[in-house]
N, C-alpha and C. Protein backbone atom coordinates (compact mmCIF):
# COMPACT_ATOMS: atom_id res chain seq x y z
N MET A 1 156.21 -66.87 90.22
CA MET A 1 156.57 -68.01 90.92
C MET A 1 155.47 -68.73 90.38
N ASN A 2 156.52 -69.81 89.88
CA ASN A 2 154.90 -71.20 90.07
C ASN A 2 154.58 -71.94 91.61
N THR A 3 153.56 -72.61 91.97
CA THR A 3 153.23 -73.11 92.81
C THR A 3 152.36 -74.58 92.66
N VAL A 4 152.62 -75.21 93.84
CA VAL A 4 151.58 -76.23 93.63
C VAL A 4 150.90 -76.71 94.26
N ARG A 5 149.79 -77.22 95.00
CA ARG A 5 148.61 -77.29 96.00
C ARG A 5 148.68 -78.44 96.48
N TRP A 6 148.64 -78.41 97.98
CA TRP A 6 149.13 -79.39 98.75
C TRP A 6 148.03 -79.42 99.81
N ASN A 7 147.25 -80.67 99.59
CA ASN A 7 146.30 -80.74 100.69
C ASN A 7 146.56 -81.68 101.90
N ILE A 8 146.96 -81.23 103.43
CA ILE A 8 147.39 -81.39 104.50
C ILE A 8 146.18 -81.84 105.52
N ALA A 9 146.37 -82.26 106.48
CA ALA A 9 145.53 -82.87 107.55
C ALA A 9 146.99 -82.51 108.65
N VAL A 10 146.30 -81.64 109.92
CA VAL A 10 146.96 -81.62 110.96
C VAL A 10 145.94 -81.75 112.20
N SER A 11 146.94 -82.16 113.11
CA SER A 11 146.03 -82.03 114.33
C SER A 11 145.22 -80.41 114.70
N PRO A 12 144.15 -80.31 115.51
CA PRO A 12 143.60 -79.03 115.94
C PRO A 12 144.28 -78.26 116.60
N ASP A 13 145.10 -79.17 117.56
CA ASP A 13 146.15 -77.96 118.43
C ASP A 13 147.26 -77.74 117.08
N VAL A 14 147.89 -78.55 116.45
CA VAL A 14 149.07 -77.56 115.43
C VAL A 14 148.49 -76.68 115.21
N ASP A 15 146.96 -76.95 114.39
CA ASP A 15 146.75 -75.35 113.47
C ASP A 15 146.29 -74.67 114.21
N GLN A 16 146.25 -74.52 115.60
CA GLN A 16 145.64 -73.51 116.79
C GLN A 16 147.02 -72.69 116.72
N SER A 17 148.18 -73.48 117.38
CA SER A 17 149.37 -73.05 117.56
C SER A 17 150.12 -72.29 116.58
N VAL A 18 149.99 -72.65 114.79
CA VAL A 18 150.44 -72.37 113.86
C VAL A 18 149.50 -70.97 113.48
N ARG A 19 148.46 -70.97 113.57
CA ARG A 19 147.62 -70.03 113.63
C ARG A 19 147.88 -68.63 114.22
N MET A 20 148.19 -69.02 115.54
CA MET A 20 148.51 -68.33 116.63
C MET A 20 149.87 -66.92 116.42
N PHE A 21 150.44 -68.07 116.11
CA PHE A 21 152.33 -67.98 116.15
C PHE A 21 152.10 -66.72 115.07
N ILE A 22 151.48 -67.34 113.99
CA ILE A 22 151.62 -66.47 112.51
C ILE A 22 150.72 -64.77 112.95
N ALA A 23 150.03 -65.48 113.65
CA ALA A 23 149.28 -63.54 114.01
C ALA A 23 149.72 -62.77 114.90
N ALA A 24 150.22 -63.88 116.20
CA ALA A 24 151.95 -62.85 117.08
C ALA A 24 152.69 -61.79 116.20
N GLN A 25 153.36 -62.47 114.68
CA GLN A 25 154.15 -62.37 113.64
C GLN A 25 153.49 -61.10 113.42
N GLY A 26 152.37 -60.70 113.28
CA GLY A 26 151.23 -59.51 112.60
C GLY A 26 150.86 -60.03 111.29
N GLY A 27 150.74 -61.50 111.28
CA GLY A 27 150.59 -61.72 110.23
C GLY A 27 148.79 -62.44 109.98
N GLY A 28 148.24 -63.30 109.27
CA GLY A 28 147.46 -64.10 109.48
C GLY A 28 145.99 -63.09 107.83
N ARG A 29 147.44 -62.57 106.78
CA ARG A 29 147.05 -62.52 105.27
C ARG A 29 147.03 -63.71 104.70
N LYS A 30 146.32 -63.55 103.58
CA LYS A 30 146.49 -64.25 102.70
C LYS A 30 147.52 -65.12 102.25
N GLY A 31 147.62 -66.04 102.34
CA GLY A 31 149.08 -66.60 102.10
C GLY A 31 150.05 -66.92 102.82
N ASP A 32 149.75 -66.76 103.81
CA ASP A 32 150.77 -66.31 105.13
C ASP A 32 151.03 -68.03 105.78
N LEU A 33 149.75 -68.52 105.45
CA LEU A 33 149.79 -70.12 106.35
C LEU A 33 151.22 -71.01 105.12
N SER A 34 150.68 -70.85 103.74
CA SER A 34 151.64 -71.45 102.68
C SER A 34 153.19 -70.95 102.92
N ARG A 35 153.35 -69.47 103.30
CA ARG A 35 154.59 -69.27 103.30
C ARG A 35 155.46 -69.64 104.61
N PHE A 36 154.21 -69.88 105.56
CA PHE A 36 154.89 -70.71 107.01
C PHE A 36 155.64 -71.63 106.98
N ILE A 37 154.32 -73.03 106.33
CA ILE A 37 154.56 -74.28 105.44
C ILE A 37 155.84 -73.89 105.02
N GLU A 38 156.23 -73.25 103.45
CA GLU A 38 157.39 -73.69 102.29
C GLU A 38 158.80 -73.20 103.46
N GLU A 39 158.60 -72.50 104.24
CA GLU A 39 159.85 -72.32 105.05
C GLU A 39 160.12 -73.09 105.99
N ALA A 40 159.01 -73.67 106.76
CA ALA A 40 159.14 -74.79 107.77
C ALA A 40 160.03 -76.27 107.36
N VAL A 41 159.34 -76.36 106.03
CA VAL A 41 159.89 -77.46 105.59
C VAL A 41 161.34 -77.52 104.19
N ARG A 42 161.61 -76.05 104.16
CA ARG A 42 163.11 -75.59 104.03
C ARG A 42 163.61 -75.54 104.51
N ALA A 43 163.65 -75.36 106.06
CA ALA A 43 164.56 -75.39 107.38
C ALA A 43 164.28 -77.09 107.52
N TYR A 44 163.52 -77.78 107.80
CA TYR A 44 163.77 -79.44 107.77
C TYR A 44 164.45 -79.47 106.94
N LEU A 45 164.33 -79.81 105.42
CA LEU A 45 164.79 -80.39 104.38
C LEU A 45 166.67 -80.04 105.22
N PHE A 46 166.78 -78.99 105.08
CA PHE A 46 168.48 -78.03 105.01
C PHE A 46 168.66 -78.90 106.33
N GLU A 47 168.18 -79.14 107.42
CA GLU A 47 168.85 -79.26 108.97
C GLU A 47 169.11 -81.14 108.38
N ARG A 48 168.25 -81.65 107.82
CA ARG A 48 168.10 -83.30 107.36
C ARG A 48 169.70 -83.38 106.74
N ALA A 49 169.66 -82.41 105.65
CA ALA A 49 170.87 -82.37 104.93
C ALA A 49 171.98 -82.73 105.65
N VAL A 50 172.25 -81.27 106.25
CA VAL A 50 173.46 -81.11 107.23
C VAL A 50 173.83 -82.24 107.97
N GLU A 51 172.73 -82.66 108.86
CA GLU A 51 172.97 -83.93 109.62
C GLU A 51 173.63 -85.33 108.62
N GLN A 52 172.84 -85.39 107.11
CA GLN A 52 173.54 -86.63 106.37
C GLN A 52 175.39 -86.44 106.06
N ALA A 53 175.34 -84.78 105.71
CA ALA A 53 177.06 -84.46 105.59
C ALA A 53 177.98 -85.04 106.19
N LYS A 54 177.16 -84.93 107.83
CA LYS A 54 177.93 -84.95 109.08
C LYS A 54 178.23 -85.98 109.68
N VAL A 55 177.25 -87.10 108.91
CA VAL A 55 176.99 -88.38 109.31
C VAL A 55 178.19 -88.91 108.01
N ALA A 56 178.02 -88.26 106.47
CA ALA A 56 179.12 -89.15 105.67
C ALA A 56 180.49 -89.16 106.04
N THR A 57 181.01 -87.40 106.60
CA THR A 57 181.86 -86.85 106.76
C THR A 57 183.00 -88.04 107.86
N ALA A 58 181.84 -87.83 108.89
CA ALA A 58 182.42 -88.69 110.29
C ALA A 58 182.94 -90.24 109.78
N GLY A 59 182.40 -90.72 108.85
CA GLY A 59 183.05 -92.34 108.97
C GLY A 59 183.83 -92.38 108.18
């Protein structure tokens, strides 16, 4: 799978929360943060697409 590098900046609180969440899931290995971010972005985009479809069909 091809990948693209992102440089992102988040608050220390978000950083700590995400890392603690990943660790609690048994993670913490190389690539876990990238997988978490990719899954979160995909879920966000899907939710927005569903919302847009609902608005389009309701109007």
